N, C-alpha and C. Protein backbone atom coordinates (compact mmCIF):
# COMPACT_ATOMS: atom_id res chain seq x y z
N MET A 1 -6.01 17.60 -5.08
CA MET A 1 -7.10 16.61 -5.01
C MET A 1 -6.82 15.47 -6.14
N PRO A 2 -6.82 14.26 -5.54
CA PRO A 2 -6.68 13.18 -6.31
C PRO A 2 -7.68 13.01 -7.40
N THR A 3 -7.12 12.35 -8.59
CA THR A 3 -8.05 12.19 -9.71
C THR A 3 -9.01 11.09 -9.42
N PHE A 4 -10.00 11.07 -10.17
CA PHE A 4 -11.13 10.04 -9.91
C PHE A 4 -10.42 8.62 -10.24
N ASP A 5 -9.57 8.48 -11.18
CA ASP A 5 -8.81 7.34 -11.44
C ASP A 5 -7.91 6.89 -10.23
N ALA A 6 -7.20 7.81 -9.61
CA ALA A 6 -6.29 7.52 -8.50
C ALA A 6 -7.21 7.04 -7.45
N GLN A 7 -8.36 7.71 -7.19
CA GLN A 7 -9.32 7.35 -6.09
C GLN A 7 -9.81 5.82 -6.31
N ARG A 8 -10.23 5.63 -7.42
CA ARG A 8 -10.59 4.30 -7.88
C ARG A 8 -9.71 3.18 -7.63
N LYS A 9 -8.36 3.58 -8.08
CA LYS A 9 -7.36 2.51 -7.79
C LYS A 9 -7.02 2.38 -6.36
N ALA A 10 -7.04 3.45 -5.62
CA ALA A 10 -6.83 3.39 -4.14
C ALA A 10 -7.82 2.58 -3.50
N ALA A 11 -9.11 2.58 -3.95
CA ALA A 11 -10.34 1.72 -3.42
C ALA A 11 -9.99 0.35 -3.70
N GLU A 12 -9.62 0.12 -5.05
CA GLU A 12 -9.40 -1.26 -5.30
C GLU A 12 -8.23 -1.89 -4.56
N LEU A 13 -7.13 -1.09 -4.46
CA LEU A 13 -6.11 -1.72 -3.59
C LEU A 13 -6.53 -1.92 -2.15
N GLN A 14 -7.31 -1.17 -1.71
CA GLN A 14 -7.71 -1.28 -0.08
C GLN A 14 -8.59 -2.49 0.00
N ARG A 15 -9.52 -2.77 -1.03
CA ARG A 15 -10.23 -4.06 -1.02
C ARG A 15 -9.36 -5.26 -1.00
N GLN A 16 -8.26 -5.12 -1.98
CA GLN A 16 -7.39 -6.38 -2.00
C GLN A 16 -6.55 -6.52 -0.82
N LEU A 17 -6.17 -5.46 -0.19
CA LEU A 17 -5.55 -5.50 1.11
C LEU A 17 -6.47 -6.14 2.30
N ALA A 18 -7.66 -5.71 2.32
CA ALA A 18 -8.44 -6.30 3.29
C ALA A 18 -8.79 -7.81 3.03
N THR A 19 -8.81 -8.28 1.74
CA THR A 19 -8.89 -9.68 1.44
C THR A 19 -7.73 -10.37 1.90
N LEU A 20 -6.48 -9.79 1.54
CA LEU A 20 -5.23 -10.58 1.72
C LEU A 20 -4.95 -10.58 3.36
N THR A 21 -5.25 -9.46 4.05
CA THR A 21 -4.92 -9.53 5.53
C THR A 21 -6.00 -9.95 6.37
N GLY A 22 -7.28 -10.01 5.97
CA GLY A 22 -8.28 -10.46 6.83
C GLY A 22 -8.93 -9.44 7.75
N HIS A 23 -8.30 -8.18 7.52
CA HIS A 23 -9.01 -6.88 8.23
C HIS A 23 -8.98 -5.70 7.45
N ALA A 24 -9.65 -4.76 7.92
CA ALA A 24 -9.73 -3.51 7.10
C ALA A 24 -9.07 -2.41 7.79
N LEU A 25 -8.07 -2.74 8.68
CA LEU A 25 -7.16 -1.58 9.28
C LEU A 25 -6.28 -0.85 8.18
N ALA A 26 -5.97 -1.66 7.10
CA ALA A 26 -5.03 -0.99 6.08
C ALA A 26 -5.91 -0.14 5.23
N GLN A 27 -5.60 1.03 5.06
CA GLN A 27 -6.21 2.08 4.42
C GLN A 27 -5.17 2.59 3.31
N VAL A 28 -5.69 2.98 2.17
CA VAL A 28 -5.10 3.50 1.04
C VAL A 28 -5.19 4.93 0.67
N LYS A 29 -4.18 5.73 0.65
CA LYS A 29 -4.41 7.09 0.29
C LYS A 29 -3.74 7.53 -1.00
N PRO A 30 -4.44 8.03 -2.03
CA PRO A 30 -3.73 8.41 -3.23
C PRO A 30 -2.88 9.68 -3.03
N TYR A 31 -1.85 9.70 -3.54
CA TYR A 31 -0.82 10.97 -3.37
C TYR A 31 -0.09 11.04 -4.59
N GLY A 32 -0.64 11.91 -5.46
CA GLY A 32 0.14 12.07 -6.89
C GLY A 32 0.15 10.68 -7.52
N LYS A 33 1.24 10.23 -7.98
CA LYS A 33 1.27 9.10 -8.80
C LYS A 33 1.41 7.90 -7.75
N HIS A 34 1.37 8.13 -6.53
CA HIS A 34 1.58 7.06 -5.51
C HIS A 34 0.33 6.60 -4.81
N LEU A 35 0.33 5.35 -4.32
CA LEU A 35 -0.78 4.96 -3.44
C LEU A 35 -0.02 4.53 -2.17
N LEU A 36 -0.32 5.30 -1.12
CA LEU A 36 0.28 5.27 0.20
C LEU A 36 -0.56 4.22 0.96
N ILE A 37 0.08 3.12 1.52
CA ILE A 37 -0.70 2.21 2.47
C ILE A 37 -0.37 2.56 3.84
N GLN A 38 -1.37 2.82 4.59
CA GLN A 38 -1.30 3.11 5.93
C GLN A 38 -2.05 2.19 6.85
N MET A 39 -1.48 1.90 7.94
CA MET A 39 -2.19 1.09 9.13
C MET A 39 -2.66 2.08 10.09
N HIS A 40 -3.94 2.02 10.28
CA HIS A 40 -4.53 2.90 11.43
C HIS A 40 -4.64 1.99 12.56
N ARG A 41 -3.97 2.54 13.60
CA ARG A 41 -3.92 1.94 14.96
C ARG A 41 -4.93 2.98 15.86
N GLU A 42 -5.09 2.54 17.08
CA GLU A 42 -5.71 3.34 17.99
C GLU A 42 -5.29 4.77 18.16
N ASP A 43 -3.99 5.02 18.29
CA ASP A 43 -3.57 6.41 18.53
C ASP A 43 -2.74 7.06 17.43
N HIS A 44 -2.59 6.30 16.24
CA HIS A 44 -1.78 6.83 15.27
C HIS A 44 -1.87 6.17 14.12
N VAL A 45 -1.24 6.77 12.85
CA VAL A 45 -1.40 6.17 11.58
C VAL A 45 -0.01 5.92 11.12
N ASP A 46 0.36 4.77 10.73
CA ASP A 46 1.72 4.55 10.12
C ASP A 46 1.59 4.37 8.74
N THR A 47 2.31 5.03 7.88
CA THR A 47 2.40 4.79 6.53
C THR A 47 3.59 3.85 6.21
N ILE A 48 3.38 2.70 5.71
CA ILE A 48 4.22 1.54 5.85
C ILE A 48 4.81 1.22 4.36
N ALA A 49 4.01 1.59 3.32
CA ALA A 49 4.45 1.15 2.04
C ALA A 49 3.85 2.11 1.07
N ARG A 50 4.41 2.06 -0.16
CA ARG A 50 3.70 2.92 -1.21
C ARG A 50 3.96 2.07 -2.64
N LEU A 51 2.93 2.37 -3.28
CA LEU A 51 2.98 1.72 -4.76
C LEU A 51 3.10 2.90 -5.63
N THR A 52 3.85 2.82 -6.58
CA THR A 52 4.05 3.97 -7.48
C THR A 52 3.65 3.54 -8.90
N GLU A 53 2.89 4.35 -9.54
CA GLU A 53 2.53 3.94 -10.88
C GLU A 53 3.52 4.13 -11.86
N LEU A 54 3.91 3.08 -12.61
CA LEU A 54 4.94 3.31 -13.58
C LEU A 54 4.33 3.44 -15.05
N GLY A 55 3.29 2.93 -15.39
CA GLY A 55 2.35 3.06 -16.56
C GLY A 55 1.02 2.48 -16.37
N ARG A 56 0.35 2.32 -17.31
CA ARG A 56 -0.92 1.83 -17.36
C ARG A 56 -1.07 0.47 -16.65
N ASN A 57 -1.62 0.37 -15.34
CA ASN A 57 -1.65 -0.78 -14.55
C ASN A 57 -0.28 -1.41 -14.34
N SER A 58 0.64 -0.80 -14.02
CA SER A 58 2.07 -1.23 -13.87
C SER A 58 2.58 -0.49 -12.65
N TYR A 59 2.91 -1.23 -11.54
CA TYR A 59 3.39 -0.48 -10.30
C TYR A 59 4.70 -0.99 -9.77
N SER A 60 5.44 -0.11 -9.10
CA SER A 60 6.56 -0.50 -8.34
C SER A 60 6.23 -0.41 -6.92
N SER A 61 6.93 -0.90 -5.85
CA SER A 61 6.58 -0.81 -4.63
C SER A 61 7.82 -0.33 -3.76
N ALA A 62 7.58 0.22 -2.54
CA ALA A 62 8.55 0.55 -1.70
C ALA A 62 8.13 0.60 -0.32
N PHE A 63 9.09 0.38 0.76
CA PHE A 63 8.76 0.18 2.15
C PHE A 63 9.52 1.44 2.86
N ARG A 64 8.66 1.96 3.68
CA ARG A 64 9.16 3.02 4.57
C ARG A 64 9.99 2.53 5.74
N SER A 65 11.28 2.80 5.66
CA SER A 65 12.21 2.39 6.75
C SER A 65 11.98 3.06 7.89
N HIS A 66 12.73 2.60 9.09
CA HIS A 66 12.58 3.43 10.36
C HIS A 66 13.18 4.84 10.35
N THR A 67 14.09 5.02 9.39
CA THR A 67 14.76 6.44 8.95
C THR A 67 13.64 7.38 8.34
N GLY A 68 12.62 6.72 7.82
CA GLY A 68 11.72 7.48 7.13
C GLY A 68 11.96 7.54 5.54
N ARG A 69 12.93 6.82 5.19
CA ARG A 69 13.33 6.84 3.65
C ARG A 69 12.61 5.74 3.02
N TRP A 70 12.25 5.81 1.77
CA TRP A 70 11.64 4.82 0.99
C TRP A 70 12.65 3.77 0.39
N GLU A 71 12.45 2.54 0.84
CA GLU A 71 13.47 1.59 0.30
C GLU A 71 12.69 0.59 -0.73
N PRO A 72 13.16 0.52 -1.87
CA PRO A 72 12.49 -0.22 -2.95
C PRO A 72 12.31 -1.81 -2.42
N LEU A 73 11.12 -2.20 -2.88
CA LEU A 73 10.90 -3.70 -2.79
C LEU A 73 10.95 -4.29 -4.03
N PRO A 74 11.30 -5.71 -4.20
CA PRO A 74 11.44 -6.33 -5.43
C PRO A 74 10.23 -6.64 -6.10
N ALA A 75 9.34 -5.64 -6.26
CA ALA A 75 8.01 -6.02 -6.76
C ALA A 75 7.63 -5.07 -7.91
N THR A 76 7.35 -5.36 -9.17
CA THR A 76 6.71 -4.75 -10.24
C THR A 76 5.64 -5.51 -10.75
N GLY A 77 4.57 -4.88 -11.19
CA GLY A 77 3.60 -5.65 -11.89
C GLY A 77 2.15 -5.02 -11.80
N ASP A 78 1.16 -5.68 -11.96
CA ASP A 78 -0.20 -5.07 -11.95
C ASP A 78 -0.41 -4.86 -10.48
N LEU A 79 -1.55 -4.24 -10.17
CA LEU A 79 -1.97 -3.89 -8.69
C LEU A 79 -2.13 -5.06 -7.86
N ALA A 80 -2.81 -6.23 -8.42
CA ALA A 80 -3.01 -7.35 -7.62
C ALA A 80 -1.69 -7.99 -7.13
N THR A 81 -0.78 -8.09 -8.23
CA THR A 81 0.57 -8.86 -7.92
C THR A 81 1.38 -8.04 -7.00
N VAL A 82 1.31 -6.79 -7.15
CA VAL A 82 2.16 -6.02 -6.12
C VAL A 82 1.61 -6.01 -4.85
N ALA A 83 0.26 -5.94 -4.63
CA ALA A 83 -0.40 -6.04 -3.43
C ALA A 83 -0.04 -7.31 -2.61
N ASP A 84 -0.01 -8.25 -3.30
CA ASP A 84 0.18 -9.76 -2.75
C ASP A 84 1.64 -9.79 -2.29
N LEU A 85 2.41 -9.25 -3.17
CA LEU A 85 3.97 -9.36 -2.71
C LEU A 85 4.17 -8.45 -1.38
N VAL A 86 3.44 -7.32 -1.62
CA VAL A 86 3.87 -6.29 -0.35
C VAL A 86 3.23 -6.94 1.06
N VAL A 87 1.97 -7.43 0.89
CA VAL A 87 1.56 -8.22 2.15
C VAL A 87 2.30 -9.36 2.53
N SER A 88 2.85 -10.15 1.68
CA SER A 88 3.86 -11.14 1.97
C SER A 88 5.08 -10.82 2.57
N LEU A 89 5.68 -9.86 2.01
CA LEU A 89 7.02 -9.29 2.45
C LEU A 89 6.89 -8.50 3.91
N LEU A 90 5.85 -7.78 3.97
CA LEU A 90 5.62 -6.82 5.15
C LEU A 90 4.55 -7.35 6.12
N ASN A 91 4.27 -8.70 6.07
CA ASN A 91 3.20 -9.17 6.82
C ASN A 91 3.13 -8.80 8.34
N PRO A 92 4.25 -8.72 9.17
CA PRO A 92 4.17 -8.22 10.54
C PRO A 92 3.77 -6.75 10.67
N TYR A 93 3.88 -5.80 9.66
CA TYR A 93 3.40 -4.57 9.51
C TYR A 93 2.04 -4.48 9.46
N PHE A 94 1.25 -5.62 8.91
CA PHE A 94 -0.17 -5.50 8.74
C PHE A 94 -0.88 -6.26 9.86
N ASP A 95 -0.02 -6.71 10.94
CA ASP A 95 -0.65 -7.45 12.00
C ASP A 95 -1.45 -6.36 12.88
N PRO A 96 -2.68 -6.40 13.12
CA PRO A 96 -3.33 -5.55 14.02
C PRO A 96 -2.86 -5.45 15.40
N ASN A 97 -2.16 -6.47 15.89
CA ASN A 97 -1.72 -6.57 17.15
C ASN A 97 -0.43 -6.10 17.44
N ASN A 98 0.33 -5.53 16.34
CA ASN A 98 1.66 -4.87 16.52
C ASN A 98 1.53 -3.39 16.56
């Protein structure tokens, strides 16, 4: 069961993603010290990225490659900074028409 703090940060990240992408299809699921970013499509859910808490309000990011491995992205910082960079780098994956 995710902690209250993890759920709060997941909700904050989800709001930021909705603002950055212009839609609410990107959902955030807390998973231990990670925040998993998932795109909900008609028939499936794709986990496309994760943010990992490094310390108090400090996160790193990774992209889930086609092999299923997590590949690090060049982003560390607070939640808003990392969210902005993840959306910028992975913009095609956030497109609701893909």
